[in-house]
Amino acid sequence: MAYDIYLGERISQIIKSRNVLFTEKKMMGALIFMVNEKMCIGIHINKKYGDSLIMAKIGAVAYETEIKKEVCLPMDFSGRPSLNFIYITPDGFDIDEDLEYWVDKALAFNLGDK
């Protein structure tokens, strides 16, 4: 299993509760939640980190603030960090309110509310 199914259900329930249309897509061992046909948030097990991480598209402005948090890591699939995406470690989403924070942050950027 390349991602945490339970975490996927938690994210799905939060997005549904926000009345946002989305699709789920499995790709490269990850589960991606697409909003407006674009990646919004996703989960996968990062081999380098060794655990499930959330990938959230939050935009460059929010990235500058959020990357300073201990629970955040740069998303660097290509070896270079993406300034629109961020990884969140499990300590940053274990509590439902924390997970909701990241889902809402990703939804706001994806829906244009930045």
C-alpha atoms as a PDB file:
ATOM      1  CA  MET A   1       0.000   0.000   0.000  1.00  0.00           C
ATOM      2  CA  ALA A   2       1.454   3.306  -1.053  1.00  0.00           C
ATOM      3  CA  TYR A   3      -0.833   5.569   0.974  1.00  0.00           C
ATOM      4  CA  ASP A   4      -2.905   5.527   4.163  1.00  0.00           C
ATOM      5  CA  ILE A   5      -6.495   4.583   3.265  1.00  0.00           C
ATOM      6  CA  TYR A   6      -7.870   5.907   6.574  1.00  0.00           C
ATOM      7  CA  LEU A   7      -6.210   9.294   5.989  1.00  0.00           C
ATOM      8  CA  GLY A   8      -7.740   9.343   2.519  1.00  0.00           C
ATOM      9  CA  GLU A   9     -11.196   8.808   4.032  1.00  0.00           C
ATOM     10  CA  ARG A  10     -10.627  11.615   6.529  1.00  0.00           C
ATOM     11  CA  ILE A  11      -9.649  14.044   3.752  1.00  0.00           C
ATOM     12  CA  SER A  12     -12.572  12.944   1.573  1.00  0.00           C
ATOM     13  CA  GLN A  13     -15.049  13.574   4.408  1.00  0.00           C
ATOM     14  CA  ILE A  14     -13.666  17.057   5.053  1.00  0.00           C
ATOM     15  CA  ILE A  15     -13.901  18.051   1.388  1.00  0.00           C
ATOM     16  CA  LYS A  16     -17.448  16.661   1.163  1.00  0.00           C
ATOM     17  CA  SER A  17     -18.431  18.658   4.259  1.00  0.00           C
ATOM     18  CA  ARG A  18     -17.262  21.822   2.461  1.00  0.00           C
ATOM     19  CA  ASN A  19     -19.667  21.066  -0.445  1.00  0.00           C
ATOM     20  CA  VAL A  20     -16.841  21.099  -2.976  1.00  0.00           C
ATOM     21  CA  LEU A  21     -16.950  18.862  -6.040  1.00  0.00           C
ATOM     22  CA  PHE A  22     -13.839  16.730  -6.332  1.00  0.00           C
ATOM     23  CA  THR A  23     -12.498  13.542  -7.797  1.00  0.00           C
ATOM     24  CA  GLU A  24     -10.019  11.076  -6.386  1.00  0.00           C
ATOM     25  CA  LYS A  25      -7.199   9.837  -8.547  1.00  0.00           C
ATOM     26  CA  LYS A  26      -4.642   7.164  -7.760  1.00  0.00           C
ATOM     27  CA  MET A  27      -1.306   7.930  -9.351  1.00  0.00           C
ATOM     28  CA  MET A  28       2.287   6.854  -8.727  1.00  0.00           C
ATOM     29  CA  GLY A  29       1.402   5.247  -5.388  1.00  0.00           C
ATOM     30  CA  ALA A  30      -0.448   8.324  -4.161  1.00  0.00           C
ATOM     31  CA  LEU A  31      -4.068   9.301  -3.707  1.00  0.00           C
ATOM     32  CA  ILE A  32      -4.759  12.733  -5.161  1.00  0.00           C
ATOM     33  CA  PHE A  33      -7.855  14.851  -4.590  1.00  0.00           C
ATOM     34  CA  MET A  34      -8.606  16.911  -7.671  1.00  0.00           C
ATOM     35  CA  VAL A  35     -10.678  20.119  -7.541  1.00  0.00           C
ATOM     36  CA  ASN A  36     -11.397  22.017 -10.753  1.00  0.00           C
ATOM     37  CA  GLU A  37      -9.461  19.243 -12.543  1.00  0.00           C
ATOM     38  CA  LYS A  38      -6.252  20.220 -10.713  1.00  0.00           C
ATOM     39  CA  MET A  39      -4.369  18.592  -7.866  1.00  0.00           C
ATOM     40  CA  CYS A  40      -5.501  20.158  -4.613  1.00  0.00           C
ATOM     41  CA  ILE A  41      -4.261  17.817  -1.891  1.00  0.00           C
ATOM     42  CA  GLY A  42      -2.946  14.294  -1.763  1.00  0.00           C
ATOM     43  CA  ILE A  43      -1.300  11.636   0.348  1.00  0.00           C
ATOM     44  CA  HIS A  44       1.487   9.155  -0.120  1.00  0.00           C
ATOM     45  CA  ILE A  45       4.202   7.380   1.783  1.00  0.00           C
ATOM     46  CA  ASN A  46       7.437   9.236   1.248  1.00  0.00           C
ATOM     47  CA  LYS A  47      10.390   6.815   1.131  1.00  0.00           C
ATOM     48  CA  LYS A  48      12.855   9.501   2.140  1.00  0.00           C
ATOM     49  CA  TYR A  49      10.769  10.512   5.181  1.00  0.00           C
ATOM     50  CA  GLY A  50       9.509   6.988   5.896  1.00  0.00           C
ATOM     51  CA  ASP A  51       5.861   7.749   6.629  1.00  0.00           C
ATOM     52  CA  SER A  52       2.644   9.125   5.141  1.00  0.00           C
ATOM     53  CA  LEU A  53       2.822  12.748   4.111  1.00  0.00           C
ATOM     54  CA  ILE A  54       0.166  15.117   2.867  1.00  0.00           C
ATOM     55  CA  MET A  55       0.964  17.059  -0.295  1.00  0.00           C
ATOM     56  CA  ALA A  56      -0.990  20.310  -0.327  1.00  0.00           C
ATOM     57  CA  LYS A  57      -1.138  22.908  -3.074  1.00  0.00           C
ATOM     58  CA  ILE A  58      -1.244  26.121  -1.057  1.00  0.00           C
ATOM     59  CA  GLY A  59       0.465  28.643  -3.347  1.00  0.00           C
ATOM     60  CA  ALA A  60       3.728  30.551  -3.086  1.00  0.00           C
ATOM     61  CA  VAL A  61       2.443  33.236  -0.691  1.00  0.00           C
ATOM     62  CA  ALA A  62       1.170  30.767   1.923  1.00  0.00           C
ATOM     63  CA  TYR A  63       4.243  28.581   1.366  1.00  0.00           C
ATOM     64  CA  GLU A  64       6.536  31.305   2.700  1.00  0.00           C
ATOM     65  CA  THR A  65       4.715  31.300   6.044  1.00  0.00           C
ATOM     66  CA  GLU A  66       3.827  27.621   6.361  1.00  0.00           C
ATOM     67  CA  ILE A  67       7.261  26.191   5.495  1.00  0.00           C
ATOM     68  CA  LYS A  68       8.566  27.674   8.753  1.00  0.00           C
ATOM     69  CA  LYS A  69       6.364  25.282  10.748  1.00  0.00           C
ATOM     70  CA  GLU A  70       8.053  22.227  12.224  1.00  0.00           C
ATOM     71  CA  VAL A  71       5.450  19.907  10.636  1.00  0.00           C
ATOM     72  CA  CYS A  72       6.157  21.139   7.099  1.00  0.00           C
ATOM     73  CA  LEU A  73       8.726  20.027   4.550  1.00  0.00           C
ATOM     74  CA  PRO A  74       9.468  21.296   1.062  1.00  0.00           C
ATOM     75  CA  MET A  75       7.937  19.172  -1.684  1.00  0.00           C
ATOM     76  CA  ASP A  76      10.845  18.303  -3.922  1.00  0.00           C
ATOM     77  CA  PHE A  77       9.922  15.553  -6.378  1.00  0.00           C
ATOM     78  CA  SER A  78      12.358  16.891  -8.952  1.00  0.00           C
ATOM     79  CA  GLY A  79      15.154  17.683  -6.500  1.00  0.00           C
ATOM     80  CA  ARG A  80      14.067  21.313  -6.403  1.00  0.00           C
ATOM     81  CA  PRO A  81      11.343  22.488  -3.993  1.00  0.00           C
ATOM     82  CA  SER A  82       8.019  23.516  -5.505  1.00  0.00           C
ATOM     83  CA  LEU A  83       6.908  26.845  -4.080  1.00  0.00           C
ATOM     84  CA  ASN A  84       3.217  26.062  -4.630  1.00  0.00           C
ATOM     85  CA  PHE A  85       3.184  22.688  -2.858  1.00  0.00           C
ATOM     86  CA  ILE A  86       4.186  21.662   0.651  1.00  0.00           C
ATOM     87  CA  TYR A  87       4.491  18.380   2.517  1.00  0.00           C
ATOM     88  CA  ILE A  88       2.896  18.040   5.947  1.00  0.00           C
ATOM     89  CA  THR A  89       4.194  15.375   8.329  1.00  0.00           C
ATOM     90  CA  PRO A  90       1.848  13.226  10.481  1.00  0.00           C
ATOM     91  CA  ASP A  91       2.265  15.463  13.539  1.00  0.00           C
ATOM     92  CA  GLY A  92       0.637  18.181  11.453  1.00  0.00           C
ATOM     93  CA  PHE A  93      -2.552  16.257  10.672  1.00  0.00           C
ATOM     94  CA  ASP A  94      -3.117  13.680  13.436  1.00  0.00           C
ATOM     95  CA  ILE A  95      -5.753  15.898  15.072  1.00  0.00           C
ATOM     96  CA  ASP A  96      -8.888  16.496  12.979  1.00  0.00           C
ATOM     97  CA  GLU A  97      -8.692  20.285  13.404  1.00  0.00           C
ATOM     98  CA  ASP A  98      -5.130  20.270  12.047  1.00  0.00           C
ATOM     99  CA  LEU A  99      -6.134  18.159   9.047  1.00  0.00           C
ATOM    100  CA  GLU A 100      -9.057  20.499   8.394  1.00  0.00           C
ATOM    101  CA  TYR A 101      -6.656  23.455   8.459  1.00  0.00           C
ATOM    102  CA  TRP A 102      -4.547  21.951   5.651  1.00  0.00           C
ATOM    103  CA  VAL A 103      -7.523  20.828   3.575  1.00  0.00           C
ATOM    104  CA  ASP A 104      -9.075  24.298   3.878  1.00  0.00           C
ATOM    105  CA  LYS A 105      -5.759  25.951   2.997  1.00  0.00           C
ATOM    106  CA  ALA A 106      -5.469  23.805  -0.157  1.00  0.00           C
ATOM    107  CA  LEU A 107      -9.126  24.330  -1.095  1.00  0.00           C
ATOM    108  CA  ALA A 108      -8.819  28.104  -0.671  1.00  0.00           C
ATOM    109  CA  PHE A 109      -5.872  28.250  -3.044  1.00  0.00           C
ATOM    110  CA  ASN A 110      -7.400  25.858  -5.548  1.00  0.00           C
ATOM    111  CA  LEU A 111     -10.746  27.658  -5.571  1.00  0.00           C
ATOM    112  CA  GLY A 112      -9.076  31.045  -5.966  1.00  0.00           C
ATOM    113  CA  ASP A 113      -9.648  32.398  -2.443  1.00  0.00           C
ATOM    114  CA  LYS A 114      -5.893  32.473  -1.712  1.00  0.00           C
END
